[in-house]
Amino acid sequence: LSFMAYSDITFNDKNPIKRWLQRRRLVVATRIADGRVDPQCVLDFGAGNGELCKLIALRFPKAKIICYEPTPSLMAEARENLADLPQVHFCTDVGKIADGSVELIFCLEVFEHLPKVETKDALIQFNRLLCSDGYAVIGVPIEIGIPALYKGFFRMCRRFGAFDASIKNVLLATLCSPPKERPVSEIAPGFAFHYEHMGFDYRNLQALLHARFRLQKVTTSPFLVFGLWLNPEANFLVQKANSAVNTDAAR
């Protein structure tokens, strides 16, 4: 991320399977809240290069879309990528977004990069920003079990011996006990960041979401079948905890 465009290592990656998976996860995520909310304001929290905002604009053409990205290099990519979408408003300081002003938050491929303090801070912001019956869609990679094995093999083919591509760490993650000590850097001044996915355990985030929100639904990508044990991506639909709306059983 520090020396390559975000799109070059995601949506434009040289591997066609990775390109397809990256785009598929966006499509799946935009559909999770269908039928539950007709938002006037949608926030893409940690928008990267803004690719998700394009799909949000198609899904909710009348909504105001806030593209929040605190990293200057990524925001520059987003501004260029979304220049033709007038409903998109760019934001580099989440504190400037009004309390309770957002009906729907999307946050994809962000939490696996956040250390513990930053994770809790982000969830506090979600509660602040969401209206009383607002929803958030949170997408994260599955980095334990079988997905950790096939992802680890892919990474070892590219950068054998790196933190996320060592035999030891891949085996630990496959056994659902990923390394707890993860390298921490900064993606921008003042923003602590784990560059590697290795060491992230979606179960810890799920527990935090269950404690702080109403966990409505758990889905997977790219397929709704096979569940969390085989798919590479998990999506959580949560609702603000003070909402009176009944929850569905998480699946």
C-alpha atoms as a PDB file:
ATOM      1  CA  LEU A   1       0.000   0.000   0.000  1.00  0.00           C
ATOM      2  CA  SER A   2       2.846   2.369   0.723  1.00  0.00           C
ATOM      3  CA  PHE A   3       4.330   2.077  -2.779  1.00  0.00           C
ATOM      4  CA  MET A   4       1.612   0.584  -5.012  1.00  0.00           C
ATOM      5  CA  ALA A   5      -1.812   1.884  -5.906  1.00  0.00           C
ATOM      6  CA  TYR A   6      -4.511   0.170  -3.846  1.00  0.00           C
ATOM      7  CA  SER A   7      -6.283  -0.935  -7.007  1.00  0.00           C
ATOM      8  CA  ASP A   8      -3.123  -2.692  -8.235  1.00  0.00           C
ATOM      9  CA  ILE A   9      -3.121  -5.094  -5.280  1.00  0.00           C
ATOM     10  CA  THR A  10      -6.896  -5.615  -5.184  1.00  0.00           C
ATOM     11  CA  PHE A  11      -9.252  -5.028  -8.121  1.00  0.00           C
ATOM     12  CA  ASN A  12      -6.464  -4.924 -10.729  1.00  0.00           C
ATOM     13  CA  ASP A  13      -4.273  -7.658  -9.244  1.00  0.00           C
ATOM     14  CA  LYS A  14      -2.480  -9.809 -11.825  1.00  0.00           C
ATOM     15  CA  ASN A  15      -4.254 -12.925 -10.513  1.00  0.00           C
ATOM     16  CA  PRO A  16      -7.721 -13.266 -12.131  1.00  0.00           C
ATOM     17  CA  ILE A  17      -9.166 -15.225  -9.191  1.00  0.00           C
ATOM     18  CA  LYS A  18      -8.121 -12.525  -6.750  1.00  0.00           C
ATOM     19  CA  ARG A  19      -9.622  -9.852  -9.008  1.00  0.00           C
ATOM     20  CA  TRP A  20     -12.914 -11.737  -9.131  1.00  0.00           C
ATOM     21  CA  LEU A  21     -12.983 -12.292  -5.363  1.00  0.00           C
ATOM     22  CA  GLN A  22     -12.311  -8.620  -4.678  1.00  0.00           C
ATOM     23  CA  ARG A  23     -15.188  -7.463  -6.868  1.00  0.00           C
ATOM     24  CA  ARG A  24     -17.510 -10.221  -5.706  1.00  0.00           C
ATOM     25  CA  ARG A  25     -17.115  -9.251  -2.041  1.00  0.00           C
ATOM     26  CA  LEU A  26     -18.285  -5.709  -2.846  1.00  0.00           C
ATOM     27  CA  VAL A  27     -21.364  -6.914  -4.692  1.00  0.00           C
ATOM     28  CA  VAL A  28     -22.299  -9.324  -1.900  1.00  0.00           C
ATOM     29  CA  ALA A  29     -21.845  -6.671   0.783  1.00  0.00           C
ATOM     30  CA  THR A  30     -24.078  -4.093  -0.906  1.00  0.00           C
ATOM     31  CA  ARG A  31     -26.985  -6.557  -0.885  1.00  0.00           C
ATOM     32  CA  ILE A  32     -26.877  -7.613   2.759  1.00  0.00           C
ATOM     33  CA  ALA A  33     -29.092  -4.822   4.076  1.00  0.00           C
ATOM     34  CA  ASP A  34     -31.662  -5.026   1.256  1.00  0.00           C
ATOM     35  CA  GLY A  35     -35.230  -4.620   2.483  1.00  0.00           C
ATOM     36  CA  ARG A  36     -34.155  -3.322   5.894  1.00  0.00           C
ATOM     37  CA  VAL A  37     -33.285   0.294   5.214  1.00  0.00           C
ATOM     38  CA  ASP A  38     -33.868   2.988   2.587  1.00  0.00           C
ATOM     39  CA  PRO A  39     -31.008   5.287   3.514  1.00  0.00           C
ATOM     40  CA  GLN A  40     -30.781   9.002   2.935  1.00  0.00           C
ATOM     41  CA  CYS A  41     -27.124   8.972   3.946  1.00  0.00           C
ATOM     42  CA  VAL A  42     -24.636   6.118   3.486  1.00  0.00           C
ATOM     43  CA  LEU A  43     -21.091   6.112   4.836  1.00  0.00           C
ATOM     44  CA  ASP A  44     -18.230   4.108   3.372  1.00  0.00           C
ATOM     45  CA  PHE A  45     -15.893   3.930   6.378  1.00  0.00           C
ATOM     46  CA  GLY A  46     -12.324   3.372   5.217  1.00  0.00           C
ATOM     47  CA  ALA A  47     -13.227   3.679   1.553  1.00  0.00           C
ATOM     48  CA  GLY A  48      -9.821   2.926   0.062  1.00  0.00           C
ATOM     49  CA  ASN A  49      -9.846   3.927  -3.590  1.00  0.00           C
ATOM     50  CA  GLY A  50     -13.623   4.428  -3.577  1.00  0.00           C
ATOM     51  CA  GLU A  51     -14.583   1.397  -5.647  1.00  0.00           C
ATOM     52  CA  LEU A  52     -17.351   0.388  -3.233  1.00  0.00           C
ATOM     53  CA  CYS A  53     -18.901   3.862  -3.468  1.00  0.00           C
ATOM     54  CA  LYS A  54     -19.649   3.196  -7.134  1.00  0.00           C
ATOM     55  CA  LEU A  55     -21.780   0.189  -6.224  1.00  0.00           C
ATOM     56  CA  ILE A  56     -23.417   2.058  -3.346  1.00  0.00           C
ATOM     57  CA  ALA A  57     -24.398   4.809  -5.792  1.00  0.00           C
ATOM     58  CA  LEU A  58     -26.034   2.229  -8.062  1.00  0.00           C
ATOM     59  CA  ARG A  59     -27.802   0.548  -5.146  1.00  0.00           C
ATOM     60  CA  PHE A  60     -28.983   3.785  -3.500  1.00  0.00           C
ATOM     61  CA  PRO A  61     -29.098   6.425  -6.268  1.00  0.00           C
ATOM     62  CA  LYS A  62     -30.948   9.003  -4.129  1.00  0.00           C
ATOM     63  CA  ALA A  63     -28.715   8.746  -1.084  1.00  0.00           C
ATOM     64  CA  LYS A  64     -25.922  11.045  -0.056  1.00  0.00           C
ATOM     65  CA  ILE A  65     -22.732   8.984   0.057  1.00  0.00           C
ATOM     66  CA  ILE A  66     -19.872   9.921   2.371  1.00  0.00           C
ATOM     67  CA  CYS A  67     -16.513   8.559   1.274  1.00  0.00           C
ATOM     68  CA  TYR A  68     -14.412   8.557   4.451  1.00  0.00           C
ATOM     69  CA  GLU A  69     -10.746   7.760   3.956  1.00  0.00           C
ATOM     70  CA  PRO A  70      -8.093   9.259   6.284  1.00  0.00           C
ATOM     71  CA  THR A  71      -5.082   8.168   4.221  1.00  0.00           C
ATOM     72  CA  PRO A  72      -4.029  10.936   1.788  1.00  0.00           C
ATOM     73  CA  SER A  73      -2.763   8.606  -0.942  1.00  0.00           C
ATOM     74  CA  LEU A  74      -5.936   6.506  -0.902  1.00  0.00           C
ATOM     75  CA  MET A  75      -8.154   9.581  -0.779  1.00  0.00           C
ATOM     76  CA  ALA A  76      -6.383  10.895  -3.879  1.00  0.00           C
ATOM     77  CA  GLU A  77      -7.236   7.625  -5.646  1.00  0.00           C
ATOM     78  CA  ALA A  78     -10.849   7.860  -4.465  1.00  0.00           C
ATOM     79  CA  ARG A  79     -11.288  11.437  -5.650  1.00  0.00           C
ATOM     80  CA  GLU A  80     -10.066  10.502  -9.109  1.00  0.00           C
ATOM     81  CA  ASN A  81     -12.102   7.292  -9.194  1.00  0.00           C
ATOM     82  CA  LEU A  82     -15.360   8.982  -8.106  1.00  0.00           C
ATOM     83  CA  ALA A  83     -15.050  12.319  -9.896  1.00  0.00           C
ATOM     84  CA  ASP A  84     -18.190  11.657 -11.960  1.00  0.00           C
ATOM     85  CA  LEU A  85     -20.467  10.901  -8.990  1.00  0.00           C
ATOM     86  CA  PRO A  86     -21.922  14.157  -7.598  1.00  0.00           C
ATOM     87  CA  GLN A  87     -23.725  12.405  -4.715  1.00  0.00           C
ATOM     88  CA  VAL A  88     -20.371  11.391  -3.205  1.00  0.00           C
ATOM     89  CA  HIS A  89     -18.974  13.679  -0.495  1.00  0.00           C
ATOM     90  CA  PHE A  90     -15.347  13.216   0.539  1.00  0.00           C
ATOM     91  CA  CYS A  91     -14.246  13.234   4.164  1.00  0.00           C
ATOM     92  CA  THR A  92     -10.828  12.763   5.786  1.00  0.00           C
ATOM     93  CA  ASP A  93     -11.927  13.518   9.373  1.00  0.00           C
ATOM     94  CA  VAL A  94     -14.694  11.287  10.734  1.00  0.00           C
ATOM     95  CA  GLY A  95     -15.204  13.702  13.629  1.00  0.00           C
ATOM     96  CA  LYS A  96     -16.761  16.191  11.218  1.00  0.00           C
ATOM     97  CA  ILE A  97     -19.670  13.861  10.431  1.00  0.00           C
ATOM     98  CA  ALA A  98     -22.694  14.746  12.567  1.00  0.00           C
ATOM     99  CA  ASP A  99     -23.934  12.417  15.312  1.00  0.00           C
ATOM    100  CA  GLY A 100     -26.827  10.161  14.260  1.00  0.00           C
ATOM    101  CA  SER A 101     -26.721  11.368  10.655  1.00  0.00           C
ATOM    102  CA  VAL A 102     -26.082   8.047   8.910  1.00  0.00           C
ATOM    103  CA  GLU A 103     -28.605   5.278   8.234  1.00  0.00           C
ATOM    104  CA  LEU A 104     -26.185   2.772   6.758  1.00  0.00           C
ATOM    105  CA  ILE A 105     -22.440   2.245   7.171  1.00  0.00           C
ATOM    106  CA  PHE A 106     -20.301   0.011   4.997  1.00  0.00           C
ATOM    107  CA  CYS A 107     -16.892  -0.950   6.347  1.00  0.00           C
ATOM    108  CA  LEU A 108     -15.103  -3.547   4.246  1.00  0.00           C
ATOM    109  CA  GLU A 109     -11.561  -4.855   4.601  1.00  0.00           C
ATOM    110  CA  VAL A 110     -10.739  -2.408   7.394  1.00  0.00           C
ATOM    111  CA  PHE A 111     -10.934  -4.117  10.792  1.00  0.00           C
ATOM    112  CA  GLU A 112      -8.343  -6.771   9.975  1.00  0.00           C
ATOM    113  CA  HIS A 113      -5.850  -3.910   9.714  1.00  0.00           C
ATOM    114  CA  LEU A 114      -6.746  -2.163  12.979  1.00  0.00           C
ATOM    115  CA  PRO A 115      -4.978  -2.775  16.309  1.00  0.00           C
ATOM    116  CA  LYS A 116      -7.165  -3.303  19.382  1.00  0.00           C
ATOM    117  CA  VAL A 117      -7.436   0.346  20.443  1.00  0.00           C
ATOM    118  CA  GLU A 118      -8.255   1.512  16.936  1.00  0.00           C
ATOM    119  CA  THR A 119     -10.830  -1.261  16.566  1.00  0.00           C
ATOM    120  CA  LYS A 120     -12.715  -0.137  19.659  1.00  0.00           C
ATOM    121  CA  ASP A 121     -12.457   3.516  18.601  1.00  0.00           C
ATOM    122  CA  ALA A 122     -13.991   2.690  15.220  1.00  0.00           C
ATOM    123  CA  LEU A 123     -16.921   0.866  16.842  1.00  0.00           C
ATOM    124  CA  ILE A 124     -17.493   3.863  19.117  1.00  0.00           C
ATOM    125  CA  GLN A 125     -17.669   6.022  15.990  1.00  0.00           C
ATOM    126  CA  PHE A 126     -20.212   3.657  14.435  1.00  0.00           C
ATOM    127  CA  ASN A 127     -22.485   4.038  17.449  1.00  0.00           C
ATOM    128  CA  ARG A 128     -22.088   7.804  17.348  1.00  0.00           C
ATOM    129  CA  LEU A 129     -22.749   8.174  13.642  1.00  0.00           C
ATOM    130  CA  LEU A 130     -25.672   5.770  13.212  1.00  0.00           C
ATOM    131  CA  CYS A 131     -29.220   6.983  13.644  1.00  0.00           C
ATOM    132  CA  SER A 132     -31.379   5.185  16.203  1.00  0.00           C
ATOM    133  CA  ASP A 133     -32.300   2.318  13.854  1.00  0.00           C
ATOM    134  CA  GLY A 134     -29.242   2.464  11.622  1.00  0.00           C
ATOM    135  CA  TYR A 135     -27.307  -0.492  10.266  1.00  0.00           C
ATOM    136  CA  ALA A 136     -23.676  -1.294   9.535  1.00  0.00           C
ATOM    137  CA  VAL A 137     -22.267  -3.879   7.148  1.00  0.00           C
ATOM    138  CA  ILE A 138     -18.802  -5.016   8.185  1.00  0.00           C
ATOM    139  CA  GLY A 139     -16.756  -7.252   5.920  1.00  0.00           C
ATOM    140  CA  VAL A 140     -13.524  -8.945   6.999  1.00  0.00           C
ATOM    141  CA  PRO A 141     -11.358 -11.767   5.668  1.00  0.00           C
ATOM    142  CA  ILE A 142     -11.409 -15.205   7.247  1.00  0.00           C
ATOM    143  CA  GLU A 143      -7.807 -15.904   8.228  1.00  0.00           C
ATOM    144  CA  ILE A 144      -8.200 -19.102  10.242  1.00  0.00           C
ATOM    145  CA  GLY A 145      -8.979 -22.721   9.378  1.00  0.00           C
ATOM    146  CA  ILE A 146      -9.137 -23.918   5.774  1.00  0.00           C
ATOM    147  CA  PRO A 147      -9.181 -20.373   4.308  1.00  0.00           C
ATOM    148  CA  ALA A 148      -5.900 -19.662   6.123  1.00  0.00           C
ATOM    149  CA  LEU A 149      -4.385 -22.722   4.447  1.00  0.00           C
ATOM    150  CA  TYR A 150      -5.239 -21.835   0.855  1.00  0.00           C
ATOM    151  CA  LYS A 151      -4.506 -18.137   1.409  1.00  0.00           C
ATOM    152  CA  GLY A 152      -1.199 -19.047   3.014  1.00  0.00           C
ATOM    153  CA  PHE A 153      -0.240 -21.208   0.040  1.00  0.00           C
ATOM    154  CA  PHE A 154      -1.062 -18.344  -2.335  1.00  0.00           C
ATOM    155  CA  ARG A 155       1.045 -15.912  -0.299  1.00  0.00           C
ATOM    156  CA  MET A 156       3.950 -18.332   0.004  1.00  0.00           C
ATOM    157  CA  CYS A 157       4.015 -18.600  -3.776  1.00  0.00           C
ATOM    158  CA  ARG A 158       4.451 -14.823  -3.914  1.00  0.00           C
ATOM    159  CA  ARG A 159       6.645 -13.993  -0.891  1.00  0.00           C
ATOM    160  CA  PHE A 160       7.773 -17.130   0.882  1.00  0.00           C
ATOM    161  CA  GLY A 161       9.073 -16.525   4.406  1.00  0.00           C
ATOM    162  CA  ALA A 162       7.301 -13.211   5.015  1.00  0.00           C
ATOM    163  CA  PHE A 163       5.242 -12.848   8.211  1.00  0.00           C
ATOM    164  CA  ASP A 164       2.045 -13.852   6.411  1.00  0.00           C
ATOM    165  CA  ALA A 165       3.803 -16.439   4.239  1.00  0.00           C
ATOM    166  CA  SER A 166       5.875 -18.480   6.673  1.00  0.00           C
ATOM    167  CA  ILE A 167       5.141 -22.168   7.161  1.00  0.00           C
ATOM    168  CA  LYS A 168       4.854 -21.756  10.932  1.00  0.00           C
ATOM    169  CA  ASN A 169       2.349 -18.891  10.853  1.00  0.00           C
ATOM    170  CA  VAL A 170       0.263 -20.470   8.112  1.00  0.00           C
ATOM    171  CA  LEU A 171       0.031 -23.706  10.106  1.00  0.00           C
ATOM    172  CA  LEU A 172      -0.882 -21.837  13.295  1.00  0.00           C
ATOM    173  CA  ALA A 173      -3.651 -19.959  11.478  1.00  0.00           C
ATOM    174  CA  THR A 174      -4.891 -23.168   9.865  1.00  0.00           C
ATOM    175  CA  LEU A 175      -5.176 -24.660  13.361  1.00  0.00           C
ATOM    176  CA  CYS A 176      -7.289 -21.625  14.367  1.00  0.00           C
ATOM    177  CA  SER A 177      -4.547 -20.292  16.653  1.00  0.00           C
ATOM    178  CA  PRO A 178      -2.990 -17.472  14.600  1.00  0.00           C
ATOM    179  CA  PRO A 179       0.052 -15.548  15.883  1.00  0.00           C
ATOM    180  CA  LYS A 180      -1.000 -12.946  18.444  1.00  0.00           C
ATOM    181  CA  GLU A 181       1.974 -10.640  17.935  1.00  0.00           C
ATOM    182  CA  ARG A 182       1.431  -8.799  14.666  1.00  0.00           C
ATOM    183  CA  PRO A 183       3.705  -6.200  13.047  1.00  0.00           C
ATOM    184  CA  VAL A 184       2.329  -2.690  13.536  1.00  0.00           C
ATOM    185  CA  SER A 185       3.140   0.243  11.283  1.00  0.00           C
ATOM    186  CA  GLU A 186       1.393   3.459  10.226  1.00  0.00           C
ATOM    187  CA  ILE A 187      -0.597   3.881   7.046  1.00  0.00           C
ATOM    188  CA  ALA A 188      -0.623   7.645   7.668  1.00  0.00           C
ATOM    189  CA  PRO A 189       0.775   9.809  10.480  1.00  0.00           C
ATOM    190  CA  GLY A 190      -1.087   8.911  13.671  1.00  0.00           C
ATOM    191  CA  PHE A 191      -2.920   5.917  12.157  1.00  0.00           C
ATOM    192  CA  ALA A 192      -1.590   2.598  13.499  1.00  0.00           C
ATOM    193  CA  PHE A 193      -2.068  -0.223  11.034  1.00  0.00           C
ATOM    194  CA  HIS A 194      -1.450  -3.938  10.502  1.00  0.00           C
ATOM    195  CA  TYR A 195      -0.488  -4.332   6.865  1.00  0.00           C
ATOM    196  CA  GLU A 196      -0.719  -8.127   6.907  1.00  0.00           C
ATOM    197  CA  HIS A 197      -3.971 -10.019   7.379  1.00  0.00           C
ATOM    198  CA  MET A 198      -2.104 -12.796   9.163  1.00  0.00           C
ATOM    199  CA  GLY A 199      -2.994 -12.885  12.849  1.00  0.00           C
ATOM    200  CA  PHE A 200      -6.499 -11.493  12.407  1.00  0.00           C
ATOM    201  CA  ASP A 201      -9.244 -13.656  13.915  1.00  0.00           C
ATOM    202  CA  TYR A 202     -12.770 -12.700  12.885  1.00  0.00           C
ATOM    203  CA  ARG A 203     -14.156 -14.428  15.997  1.00  0.00           C
ATOM    204  CA  ASN A 204     -12.742 -11.690  18.236  1.00  0.00           C
ATOM    205  CA  LEU A 205     -14.415  -8.982  16.154  1.00  0.00           C
ATOM    206  CA  GLN A 206     -17.675 -10.930  16.094  1.00  0.00           C
ATOM    207  CA  ALA A 207     -17.662 -11.038  19.898  1.00  0.00           C
ATOM    208  CA  LEU A 208     -17.174  -7.251  20.048  1.00  0.00           C
ATOM    209  CA  LEU A 209     -19.993  -6.687  17.578  1.00  0.00           C
ATOM    210  CA  HIS A 210     -22.294  -8.977  19.538  1.00  0.00           C
ATOM    211  CA  ALA A 211     -21.556  -7.048  22.727  1.00  0.00           C
ATOM    212  CA  ARG A 212     -21.969  -3.545  21.275  1.00  0.00           C
ATOM    213  CA  PHE A 213     -24.663  -3.942  18.596  1.00  0.00           C
ATOM    214  CA  ARG A 214     -27.572  -6.122  17.600  1.00  0.00           C
ATOM    215  CA  LEU A 215     -25.974  -8.740  15.397  1.00  0.00           C
ATOM    216  CA  GLN A 216     -28.611  -9.383  12.742  1.00  0.00           C
ATOM    217  CA  LYS A 217     -26.940 -11.582  10.177  1.00  0.00           C
ATOM    218  CA  VAL A 218     -23.681 -13.293   9.281  1.00  0.00           C
ATOM    219  CA  THR A 219     -23.051 -14.110   5.630  1.00  0.00           C
ATOM    220  CA  THR A 220     -20.045 -15.169   3.586  1.00  0.00           C
ATOM    221  CA  SER A 221     -18.442 -14.310   0.255  1.00  0.00           C
ATOM    222  CA  PRO A 222     -18.080 -15.232  -2.529  1.00  0.00           C
ATOM    223  CA  PHE A 223     -20.668 -17.954  -1.828  1.00  0.00           C
ATOM    224  CA  LEU A 224     -23.553 -17.998   0.619  1.00  0.00           C
ATOM    225  CA  VAL A 225     -23.130 -21.767   0.942  1.00  0.00           C
ATOM    226  CA  PHE A 226     -20.111 -23.452   2.576  1.00  0.00           C
ATOM    227  CA  GLY A 227     -20.232 -20.877   5.390  1.00  0.00           C
ATOM    228  CA  LEU A 228     -17.387 -19.614   7.518  1.00  0.00           C
ATOM    229  CA  TRP A 229     -15.368 -22.821   7.344  1.00  0.00           C
ATOM    230  CA  LEU A 230     -14.517 -22.544   3.632  1.00  0.00           C
ATOM    231  CA  ASN A 231     -15.243 -19.050   2.280  1.00  0.00           C
ATOM    232  CA  PRO A 232     -12.507 -16.391   2.369  1.00  0.00           C
ATOM    233  CA  GLU A 233     -14.719 -13.516   3.573  1.00  0.00           C
ATOM    234  CA  ALA A 234     -17.260 -12.920   6.362  1.00  0.00           C
ATOM    235  CA  ASN A 235     -19.867 -10.169   6.468  1.00  0.00           C
ATOM    236  CA  PHE A 236     -21.688  -8.989   9.578  1.00  0.00           C
ATOM    237  CA  LEU A 237     -24.897  -6.992   9.507  1.00  0.00           C
ATOM    238  CA  VAL A 238     -25.375  -5.151  12.797  1.00  0.00           C
ATOM    239  CA  GLN A 239     -27.952  -2.684  14.036  1.00  0.00           C
ATOM    240  CA  LYS A 240     -27.507   0.054  16.573  1.00  0.00           C
ATOM    241  CA  ALA A 241     -28.110  -1.435  20.004  1.00  0.00           C
ATOM    242  CA  ASN A 242     -30.763   1.016  21.163  1.00  0.00           C
ATOM    243  CA  SER A 243     -33.070   0.164  18.271  1.00  0.00           C
ATOM    244  CA  ALA A 244     -36.417  -1.381  19.150  1.00  0.00           C
ATOM    245  CA  VAL A 245     -36.447  -3.505  15.998  1.00  0.00           C
ATOM    246  CA  ASN A 246     -36.290  -7.232  16.661  1.00  0.00           C
ATOM    247  CA  THR A 247     -33.232  -9.096  15.481  1.00  0.00           C
ATOM    248  CA  ASP A 248     -33.029 -12.113  13.258  1.00  0.00           C
ATOM    249  CA  ALA A 249     -31.081 -15.124  14.363  1.00  0.00           C
ATOM    250  CA  ALA A 250     -27.499 -14.785  13.210  1.00  0.00           C
ATOM    251  CA  ARG A 251     -26.522 -17.432  10.719  1.00  0.00           C
END
